[in-house]
Amino acid sequence: MAQTVNVNFRMDADLKKSMEQTCSDLGMSMSTAFTIFAKKVSREKRIPFEISADPFYSESNIRYLERKKREIDEGRAHIAEHNLIEADD
């Protein structure tokens, strides 16, 4: 059997609690879940899921939203009703 080692890293407390519950619901420990993840990364030489940035949270969009909020708060915003545009499926 291969020698085991400890791996330590920081995680938000709420995220840890949520993950522990999810792992428990799946009948495994967090250690088992991370081991599965590590084996898949090692075997495939990639992160086994898509990672992308949500453009909503980009710095430029956050600045835009903060500016618009200030304009609304100061009564300077020009707000107009518009029709919802449906996306093509």
PDB file of N, CA and C in Angstrom:
ATOM      1  N   MET A   1       0.842  -1.189   0.000  1.00  0.00           N
ATOM      2  CA  MET A   1       0.000   0.000   0.000  1.00  0.00           C
ATOM      3  C   MET A   1       0.879   1.241   0.000  1.00  0.00           C
ATOM      4  N   ALA A   2       0.466   2.243  -0.761  1.00  0.00           N
ATOM      5  CA  ALA A   2       1.228   3.484  -0.860  1.00  0.00           C
ATOM      6  C   ALA A   2       1.187   4.237   0.461  1.00  0.00           C
ATOM      7  N   GLN A   3       2.267   4.949   0.725  1.00  0.00           N
ATOM      8  CA  GLN A   3       2.332   5.771   1.938  1.00  0.00           C
ATOM      9  C   GLN A   3       1.369   6.944   1.792  1.00  0.00           C
ATOM     10  N   THR A   4       0.635   7.258   2.836  1.00  0.00           N
ATOM     11  CA  THR A   4      -0.272   8.403   2.802  1.00  0.00           C
ATOM     12  C   THR A   4       0.375   9.594   3.485  1.00  0.00           C
ATOM     13  N   VAL A   5      -0.006  10.785   3.037  1.00  0.00           N
ATOM     14  CA  VAL A   5       0.497  12.026   3.618  1.00  0.00           C
ATOM     15  C   VAL A   5      -0.689  12.945   3.884  1.00  0.00           C
ATOM     16  N   ASN A   6      -0.492  13.896   4.770  1.00  0.00           N
ATOM     17  CA  ASN A   6      -1.517  14.897   5.037  1.00  0.00           C
ATOM     18  C   ASN A   6      -1.336  16.074   4.094  1.00  0.00           C
ATOM     19  N   VAL A   7      -2.447  16.623   3.632  1.00  0.00           N
ATOM     20  CA  VAL A   7      -2.454  17.819   2.801  1.00  0.00           C
ATOM     21  C   VAL A   7      -3.361  18.822   3.505  1.00  0.00           C
ATOM     22  N   ASN A   8      -2.853  20.020   3.741  1.00  0.00           N
ATOM     23  CA  ASN A   8      -3.624  21.051   4.438  1.00  0.00           C
ATOM     24  C   ASN A   8      -3.837  22.250   3.531  1.00  0.00           C
ATOM     25  N   PHE A   9      -5.036  22.796   3.550  1.00  0.00           N
ATOM     26  CA  PHE A   9      -5.313  24.039   2.841  1.00  0.00           C
ATOM     27  C   PHE A   9      -6.478  24.745   3.502  1.00  0.00           C
ATOM     28  N   ARG A  10      -6.635  26.028   3.206  1.00  0.00           N
ATOM     29  CA  ARG A  10      -7.679  26.839   3.818  1.00  0.00           C
ATOM     30  C   ARG A  10      -8.940  26.823   2.945  1.00  0.00           C
ATOM     31  N   MET A  11     -10.087  26.907   3.626  1.00  0.00           N
ATOM     32  CA  MET A  11     -11.368  26.919   2.939  1.00  0.00           C
ATOM     33  C   MET A  11     -12.353  27.700   3.802  1.00  0.00           C
ATOM     34  N   ASP A  12     -13.272  28.415   3.173  1.00  0.00           N
ATOM     35  CA  ASP A  12     -14.321  29.114   3.879  1.00  0.00           C
ATOM     36  C   ASP A  12     -15.097  28.127   4.752  1.00  0.00           C
ATOM     37  N   ALA A  13     -15.390  28.515   5.980  1.00  0.00           N
ATOM     38  CA  ALA A  13     -16.043  27.617   6.938  1.00  0.00           C
ATOM     39  C   ALA A  13     -17.413  27.138   6.444  1.00  0.00           C
ATOM     40  N   ASP A  14     -18.190  28.037   5.841  1.00  0.00           N
ATOM     41  CA  ASP A  14     -19.509  27.637   5.333  1.00  0.00           C
ATOM     42  C   ASP A  14     -19.384  26.656   4.173  1.00  0.00           C
ATOM     43  N   LEU A  15     -18.401  26.881   3.313  1.00  0.00           N
ATOM     44  CA  LEU A  15     -18.166  25.962   2.200  1.00  0.00           C
ATOM     45  C   LEU A  15     -17.780  24.584   2.715  1.00  0.00           C
ATOM     46  N   LYS A  16     -16.906  24.542   3.722  1.00  0.00           N
ATOM     47  CA  LYS A  16     -16.480  23.274   4.311  1.00  0.00           C
ATOM     48  C   LYS A  16     -17.675  22.521   4.885  1.00  0.00           C
ATOM     49  N   LYS A  17     -18.505  23.234   5.625  1.00  0.00           N
ATOM     50  CA  LYS A  17     -19.682  22.602   6.229  1.00  0.00           C
ATOM     51  C   LYS A  17     -20.607  22.043   5.150  1.00  0.00           C
ATOM     52  N   SER A  18     -20.825  22.816   4.096  1.00  0.00           N
ATOM     53  CA  SER A  18     -21.682  22.377   3.000  1.00  0.00           C
ATOM     54  C   SER A  18     -21.096  21.155   2.296  1.00  0.00           C
ATOM     55  N   MET A  19     -19.790  21.180   2.069  1.00  0.00           N
ATOM     56  CA  MET A  19     -19.143  20.046   1.400  1.00  0.00           C
ATOM     57  C   MET A  19     -19.188  18.809   2.278  1.00  0.00           C
ATOM     58  N   GLU A  20     -18.940  18.967   3.572  1.00  0.00           N
ATOM     59  CA  GLU A  20     -19.016  17.824   4.490  1.00  0.00           C
ATOM     60  C   GLU A  20     -20.402  17.187   4.441  1.00  0.00           C
ATOM     61  N   GLN A  21     -21.439  18.016   4.416  1.00  0.00           N
ATOM     62  CA  GLN A  21     -22.804  17.492   4.368  1.00  0.00           C
ATOM     63  C   GLN A  21     -23.064  16.769   3.053  1.00  0.00           C
ATOM     64  N   THR A  22     -22.639  17.369   1.953  1.00  0.00           N
ATOM     65  CA  THR A  22     -22.823  16.741   0.646  1.00  0.00           C
ATOM     66  C   THR A  22     -22.082  15.420   0.568  1.00  0.00           C
ATOM     67  N   CYS A  23     -20.844  15.398   1.027  1.00  0.00           N
ATOM     68  CA  CYS A  23     -20.065  14.148   1.021  1.00  0.00           C
ATOM     69  C   CYS A  23     -20.751  13.099   1.893  1.00  0.00           C
ATOM     70  N   SER A  24     -21.237  13.498   3.046  1.00  0.00           N
ATOM     71  CA  SER A  24     -21.939  12.578   3.932  1.00  0.00           C
ATOM     72  C   SER A  24     -23.173  12.003   3.239  1.00  0.00           C
ATOM     73  N   ASP A  25     -23.917  12.878   2.549  1.00  0.00           N
ATOM     74  CA  ASP A  25     -25.099  12.427   1.808  1.00  0.00           C
ATOM     75  C   ASP A  25     -24.733  11.411   0.736  1.00  0.00           C
ATOM     76  N   LEU A  26     -23.519  11.546   0.188  1.00  0.00           N
ATOM     77  CA  LEU A  26     -23.038  10.621  -0.842  1.00  0.00           C
ATOM     78  C   LEU A  26     -22.367   9.388  -0.247  1.00  0.00           C
ATOM     79  N   GLY A  27     -22.266   9.345   1.077  1.00  0.00           N
ATOM     80  CA  GLY A  27     -21.676   8.192   1.745  1.00  0.00           C
ATOM     81  C   GLY A  27     -20.164   8.162   1.722  1.00  0.00           C
ATOM     82  N   MET A  28     -19.547   9.342   1.712  1.00  0.00           N
ATOM     83  CA  MET A  28     -18.080   9.393   1.711  1.00  0.00           C
ATOM     84  C   MET A  28     -17.608  10.558   2.560  1.00  0.00           C
ATOM     85  N   SER A  29     -16.332  10.535   2.875  1.00  0.00           N
ATOM     86  CA  SER A  29     -15.719  11.635   3.618  1.00  0.00           C
ATOM     87  C   SER A  29     -15.184  12.678   2.636  1.00  0.00           C
ATOM     88  N   MET A  30     -14.844  13.853   3.170  1.00  0.00           N
ATOM     89  CA  MET A  30     -14.200  14.857   2.328  1.00  0.00           C
ATOM     90  C   MET A  30     -12.861  14.347   1.823  1.00  0.00           C
ATOM     91  N   SER A  31     -12.163  13.603   2.656  1.00  0.00           N
ATOM     92  CA  SER A  31     -10.871  13.046   2.256  1.00  0.00           C
ATOM     93  C   SER A  31     -11.033  12.140   1.035  1.00  0.00           C
ATOM     94  N   THR A  32     -12.069  11.317   1.054  1.00  0.00           N
ATOM     95  CA  THR A  32     -12.333  10.439  -0.091  1.00  0.00           C
ATOM     96  C   THR A  32     -12.663  11.259  -1.330  1.00  0.00           C
ATOM     97  N   ALA A  33     -13.489  12.311  -1.161  1.00  0.00           N
ATOM     98  CA  ALA A  33     -13.854  13.157  -2.303  1.00  0.00           C
ATOM     99  C   ALA A  33     -12.621  13.824  -2.911  1.00  0.00           C
ATOM    100  N   PHE A  34     -11.739  14.356  -2.065  1.00  0.00           N
ATOM    101  CA  PHE A  34     -10.532  14.992  -2.587  1.00  0.00           C
ATOM    102  C   PHE A  34      -9.586  13.975  -3.223  1.00  0.00           C
ATOM    103  N   THR A  35      -9.548  12.776  -2.680  1.00  0.00           N
ATOM    104  CA  THR A  35      -8.715  11.728  -3.279  1.00  0.00           C
ATOM    105  C   THR A  35      -9.240  11.365  -4.666  1.00  0.00           C
ATOM    106  N   ILE A  36     -10.555  11.246  -4.799  1.00  0.00           N
ATOM    107  CA  ILE A  36     -11.155  10.980  -6.112  1.00  0.00           C
ATOM    108  C   ILE A  36     -10.789  12.089  -7.084  1.00  0.00           C
ATOM    109  N   PHE A  37     -10.910  13.338  -6.633  1.00  0.00           N
ATOM    110  CA  PHE A  37     -10.561  14.485  -7.469  1.00  0.00           C
ATOM    111  C   PHE A  37      -9.091  14.423  -7.890  1.00  0.00           C
ATOM    112  N   ALA A  38      -8.197  14.175  -6.929  1.00  0.00           N
ATOM    113  CA  ALA A  38      -6.757  14.132  -7.216  1.00  0.00           C
ATOM    114  C   ALA A  38      -6.423  13.020  -8.207  1.00  0.00           C
ATOM    115  N   LYS A  39      -7.049  11.861  -8.056  1.00  0.00           N
ATOM    116  CA  LYS A  39      -6.799  10.752  -8.988  1.00  0.00           C
ATOM    117  C   LYS A  39      -7.262  11.099 -10.396  1.00  0.00           C
ATOM    118  N   LYS A  40      -8.409  11.726 -10.506  1.00  0.00           N
ATOM    119  CA  LYS A  40      -8.932  12.095 -11.824  1.00  0.00           C
ATOM    120  C   LYS A  40      -8.049  13.160 -12.479  1.00  0.00           C
ATOM    121  N   VAL A  41      -7.611  14.161 -11.706  1.00  0.00           N
ATOM    122  CA  VAL A  41      -6.705  15.180 -12.241  1.00  0.00           C
ATOM    123  C   VAL A  41      -5.411  14.532 -12.708  1.00  0.00           C
ATOM    124  N   SER A  42      -4.858  13.643 -11.891  1.00  0.00           N
ATOM    125  CA  SER A  42      -3.595  12.981 -12.234  1.00  0.00           C
ATOM    126  C   SER A  42      -3.734  12.116 -13.483  1.00  0.00           C
ATOM    127  N   ARG A  43      -4.849  11.407 -13.585  1.00  0.00           N
ATOM    128  CA  ARG A  43      -5.060  10.506 -14.720  1.00  0.00           C
ATOM    129  C   ARG A  43      -5.307  11.284 -16.011  1.00  0.00           C
ATOM    130  N   GLU A  44      -6.120  12.339 -15.939  1.00  0.00           N
ATOM    131  CA  GLU A  44      -6.516  13.072 -17.149  1.00  0.00           C
ATOM    132  C   GLU A  44      -5.617  14.266 -17.468  1.00  0.00           C
ATOM    133  N   LYS A  45      -4.777  14.664 -16.498  1.00  0.00           N
ATOM    134  CA  LYS A  45      -3.877  15.816 -16.669  1.00  0.00           C
ATOM    135  C   LYS A  45      -4.655  17.097 -16.991  1.00  0.00           C
ATOM    136  N   ARG A  46      -5.784  17.236 -16.310  1.00  0.00           N
ATOM    137  CA  ARG A  46      -6.616  18.429 -16.475  1.00  0.00           C
ATOM    138  C   ARG A  46      -7.573  18.513 -15.297  1.00  0.00           C
ATOM    139  N   ILE A  47      -8.168  19.695 -15.085  1.00  0.00           N
ATOM    140  CA  ILE A  47      -9.240  19.831 -14.104  1.00  0.00           C
ATOM    141  C   ILE A  47     -10.457  19.148 -14.729  1.00  0.00           C
ATOM    142  N   PRO A  48     -11.107  18.228 -14.017  1.00  0.00           N
ATOM    143  CA  PRO A  48     -12.158  17.422 -14.641  1.00  0.00           C
ATOM    144  C   PRO A  48     -13.527  18.104 -14.766  1.00  0.00           C
ATOM    145  N   PHE A  49     -13.533  19.417 -14.840  1.00  0.00           N
ATOM    146  CA  PHE A  49     -14.765  20.155 -15.085  1.00  0.00           C
ATOM    147  C   PHE A  49     -14.380  21.510 -15.643  1.00  0.00           C
ATOM    148  N   GLU A  50     -15.349  22.178 -16.278  1.00  0.00           N
ATOM    149  CA  GLU A  50     -15.076  23.473 -16.887  1.00  0.00           C
ATOM    150  C   GLU A  50     -14.947  24.553 -15.815  1.00  0.00           C
ATOM    151  N   ILE A  51     -13.941  25.397 -15.968  1.00  0.00           N
ATOM    152  CA  ILE A  51     -13.754  26.543 -15.084  1.00  0.00           C
ATOM    153  C   ILE A  51     -13.825  27.784 -15.958  1.00  0.00           C
ATOM    154  N   SER A  52     -14.727  28.693 -15.601  1.00  0.00           N
ATOM    155  CA  SER A  52     -14.842  29.926 -16.368  1.00  0.00           C
ATOM    156  C   SER A  52     -15.239  31.061 -15.436  1.00  0.00           C
ATOM    157  N   ALA A  53     -14.927  32.250 -15.868  1.00  0.00           N
ATOM    158  CA  ALA A  53     -15.267  33.433 -15.084  1.00  0.00           C
ATOM    159  C   ALA A  53     -16.643  33.923 -15.508  1.00  0.00           C
ATOM    160  N   ASP A  54     -17.465  34.261 -14.538  1.00  0.00           N
ATOM    161  CA  ASP A  54     -18.765  34.834 -14.822  1.00  0.00           C
ATOM    162  C   ASP A  54     -18.547  36.310 -15.135  1.00  0.00           C
ATOM    163  N   PRO A  55     -18.829  36.752 -16.374  1.00  0.00           N
ATOM    164  CA  PRO A  55     -18.559  38.149 -16.733  1.00  0.00           C
ATOM    165  C   PRO A  55     -19.343  39.146 -15.886  1.00  0.00           C
ATOM    166  N   PHE A  56     -20.418  38.713 -15.249  1.00  0.00           N
ATOM    167  CA  PHE A  56     -21.183  39.609 -14.389  1.00  0.00           C
ATOM    168  C   PHE A  56     -20.299  40.166 -13.280  1.00  0.00           C
ATOM    169  N   TYR A  57     -19.350  39.357 -12.789  1.00  0.00           N
ATOM    170  CA  TYR A  57     -18.507  39.769 -11.674  1.00  0.00           C
ATOM    171  C   TYR A  57     -17.172  40.363 -12.118  1.00  0.00           C
ATOM    172  N   SER A  58     -17.033  40.709 -13.378  1.00  0.00           N
ATOM    173  CA  SER A  58     -15.796  41.329 -13.848  1.00  0.00           C
ATOM    174  C   SER A  58     -15.635  42.697 -13.194  1.00  0.00           C
ATOM    175  N   GLU A  59     -14.399  43.148 -13.081  1.00  0.00           N
ATOM    176  CA  GLU A  59     -14.133  44.446 -12.452  1.00  0.00           C
ATOM    177  C   GLU A  59     -14.854  45.576 -13.172  1.00  0.00           C
ATOM    178  N   SER A  60     -14.847  45.539 -14.504  1.00  0.00           N
ATOM    179  CA  SER A  60     -15.492  46.622 -15.255  1.00  0.00           C
ATOM    180  C   SER A  60     -17.002  46.630 -15.032  1.00  0.00           C
ATOM    181  N   ASN A  61     -17.624  45.467 -14.944  1.00  0.00           N
ATOM    182  CA  ASN A  61     -19.067  45.426 -14.714  1.00  0.00           C
ATOM    183  C   ASN A  61     -19.411  45.867 -13.294  1.00  0.00           C
ATOM    184  N   ILE A  62     -18.597  45.475 -12.327  1.00  0.00           N
ATOM    185  CA  ILE A  62     -18.836  45.901 -10.944  1.00  0.00           C
ATOM    186  C   ILE A  62     -18.740  47.421 -10.853  1.00  0.00           C
ATOM    187  N   ARG A  63     -17.730  48.019 -11.508  1.00  0.00           N
ATOM    188  CA  ARG A  63     -17.602  49.489 -11.517  1.00  0.00           C
ATOM    189  C   ARG A  63     -18.835  50.131 -12.159  1.00  0.00           C
ATOM    190  N   TYR A  64     -19.291  49.552 -13.282  1.00  0.00           N
ATOM    191  CA  TYR A  64     -20.479  50.063 -13.969  1.00  0.00           C
ATOM    192  C   TYR A  64     -21.698  50.010 -13.044  1.00  0.00           C
ATOM    193  N   LEU A  65     -21.904  48.873 -12.388  1.00  0.00           N
ATOM    194  CA  LEU A  65     -23.057  48.716 -11.494  1.00  0.00           C
ATOM    195  C   LEU A  65     -22.984  49.675 -10.305  1.00  0.00           C
ATOM    196  N   GLU A  66     -21.779  49.861  -9.760  1.00  0.00           N
ATOM    197  CA  GLU A  66     -21.622  50.808  -8.648  1.00  0.00           C
ATOM    198  C   GLU A  66     -21.933  52.230  -9.095  1.00  0.00           C
ATOM    199  N   ARG A  67     -21.488  52.591 -10.312  1.00  0.00           N
ATOM    200  CA  ARG A  67     -21.762  53.928 -10.849  1.00  0.00           C
ATOM    201  C   ARG A  67     -23.267  54.118 -11.054  1.00  0.00           C
ATOM    202  N   LYS A  68     -23.927  53.105 -11.604  1.00  0.00           N
ATOM    203  CA  LYS A  68     -25.373  53.195 -11.828  1.00  0.00           C
ATOM    204  C   LYS A  68     -26.125  53.289 -10.504  1.00  0.00           C
ATOM    205  N   LYS A  69     -25.680  52.570  -9.498  1.00  0.00           N
ATOM    206  CA  LYS A  69     -26.321  52.633  -8.183  1.00  0.00           C
ATOM    207  C   LYS A  69     -26.187  54.042  -7.602  1.00  0.00           C
ATOM    208  N   ARG A  70     -24.986  54.642  -7.726  1.00  0.00           N
ATOM    209  CA  ARG A  70     -24.787  56.016  -7.245  1.00  0.00           C
ATOM    210  C   ARG A  70     -25.735  56.972  -7.970  1.00  0.00           C
ATOM    211  N   GLU A  71     -25.857  56.801  -9.295  1.00  0.00           N
ATOM    212  CA  GLU A  71     -26.748  57.653 -10.082  1.00  0.00           C
ATOM    213  C   GLU A  71     -28.199  57.503  -9.617  1.00  0.00           C
ATOM    214  N   ILE A  72     -28.615  56.283  -9.339  1.00  0.00           N
ATOM    215  CA  ILE A  72     -29.977  56.045  -8.844  1.00  0.00           C
ATOM    216  C   ILE A  72     -30.149  56.694  -7.479  1.00  0.00           C
ATOM    217  N   ASP A  73     -29.183  56.451  -6.586  1.00  0.00           N
ATOM    218  CA  ASP A  73     -29.249  57.027  -5.236  1.00  0.00           C
ATOM    219  C   ASP A  73     -29.295  58.553  -5.267  1.00  0.00           C
ATOM    220  N   GLU A  74     -28.608  59.159  -6.227  1.00  0.00           N
ATOM    221  CA  GLU A  74     -28.549  60.615  -6.337  1.00  0.00           C
ATOM    222  C   GLU A  74     -29.676  61.182  -7.196  1.00  0.00           C
ATOM    223  N   GLY A  75     -30.545  60.310  -7.711  1.00  0.00           N
ATOM    224  CA  GLY A  75     -31.666  60.759  -8.542  1.00  0.00           C
ATOM    225  C   GLY A  75     -31.270  61.204  -9.927  1.00  0.00           C
ATOM    226  N   ARG A  76     -30.095  60.795 -10.389  1.00  0.00           N
ATOM    227  CA  ARG A  76     -29.602  61.207 -11.706  1.00  0.00           C
ATOM    228  C   ARG A  76     -29.757  60.121 -12.758  1.00  0.00           C
ATOM    229  N   ALA A  77     -30.271  58.964 -12.402  1.00  0.00           N
ATOM    230  CA  ALA A  77     -30.347  57.843 -13.348  1.00  0.00           C
ATOM    231  C   ALA A  77     -31.527  58.026 -14.299  1.00  0.00           C
ATOM    232  N   HIS A  78     -31.316  57.633 -15.531  1.00  0.00           N
ATOM    233  CA  HIS A  78     -32.384  57.631 -16.534  1.00  0.00           C
ATOM    234  C   HIS A  78     -32.810  56.174 -16.716  1.00  0.00           C
ATOM    235  N   ILE A  79     -33.944  55.835 -16.122  1.00  0.00           N
ATOM    236  CA  ILE A  79     -34.415  54.453 -16.160  1.00  0.00           C
ATOM    237  C   ILE A  79     -35.622  54.384 -17.075  1.00  0.00           C
ATOM    238  N   ALA A  80     -35.587  53.446 -18.005  1.00  0.00           N
ATOM    239  CA  ALA A  80     -36.681  53.288 -18.951  1.00  0.00           C
ATOM    240  C   ALA A  80     -37.118  51.831 -19.004  1.00  0.00           C
ATOM    241  N   GLU A  81     -38.391  51.611 -19.154  1.00  0.00           N
ATOM    242  CA  GLU A  81     -38.929  50.265 -19.280  1.00  0.00           C
ATOM    243  C   GLU A  81     -38.608  49.747 -20.677  1.00  0.00           C
ATOM    244  N   HIS A  82     -38.348  48.464 -20.792  1.00  0.00           N
ATOM    245  CA  HIS A  82     -38.100  47.865 -22.099  1.00  0.00           C
ATOM    246  C   HIS A  82     -38.690  46.465 -22.118  1.00  0.00           C
ATOM    247  N   ASN A  83     -38.856  45.940 -23.309  1.00  0.00           N
ATOM    248  CA  ASN A  83     -39.364  44.590 -23.455  1.00  0.00           C
ATOM    249  C   ASN A  83     -38.245  43.586 -23.235  1.00  0.00           C
ATOM    250  N   LEU A  84     -38.591  42.471 -22.626  1.00  0.00           N
ATOM    251  CA  LEU A  84     -37.628  41.407 -22.402  1.00  0.00           C
ATOM    252  C   LEU A  84     -37.278  40.750 -23.722  1.00  0.00           C
ATOM    253  N   ILE A  85     -36.015  40.556 -23.948  1.00  0.00           N
ATOM    254  CA  ILE A  85     -35.555  39.892 -25.161  1.00  0.00           C
ATOM    255  C   ILE A  85     -35.367  38.420 -24.840  1.00  0.00           C
ATOM    256  N   GLU A  86     -36.069  37.559 -25.518  1.00  0.00           N
ATOM    257  CA  GLU A  86     -35.976  36.125 -25.298  1.00  0.00           C
ATOM    258  C   GLU A  86     -34.795  35.577 -26.096  1.00  0.00           C
ATOM    259  N   ALA A  87     -34.045  34.679 -25.446  1.00  0.00           N
ATOM    260  CA  ALA A  87     -32.917  34.049 -26.123  1.00  0.00           C
ATOM    261  C   ALA A  87     -33.420  32.944 -27.035  1.00  0.00           C
ATOM    262  N   ASP A  88     -32.761  32.779 -28.173  1.00  0.00           N
ATOM    263  CA  ASP A  88     -33.103  31.680 -29.071  1.00  0.00           C
ATOM    264  C   ASP A  88     -32.556  30.387 -28.514  1.00  0.00           C
ATOM    265  N   ASP A  89     -33.353  29.345 -28.509  1.00  0.00           N
ATOM    266  CA  ASP A  89     -32.894  28.040 -28.035  1.00  0.00           C
ATOM    267  C   ASP A  89     -32.484  27.150 -29.174  1.00  0.00           C
TER     268      ASP A  89
END
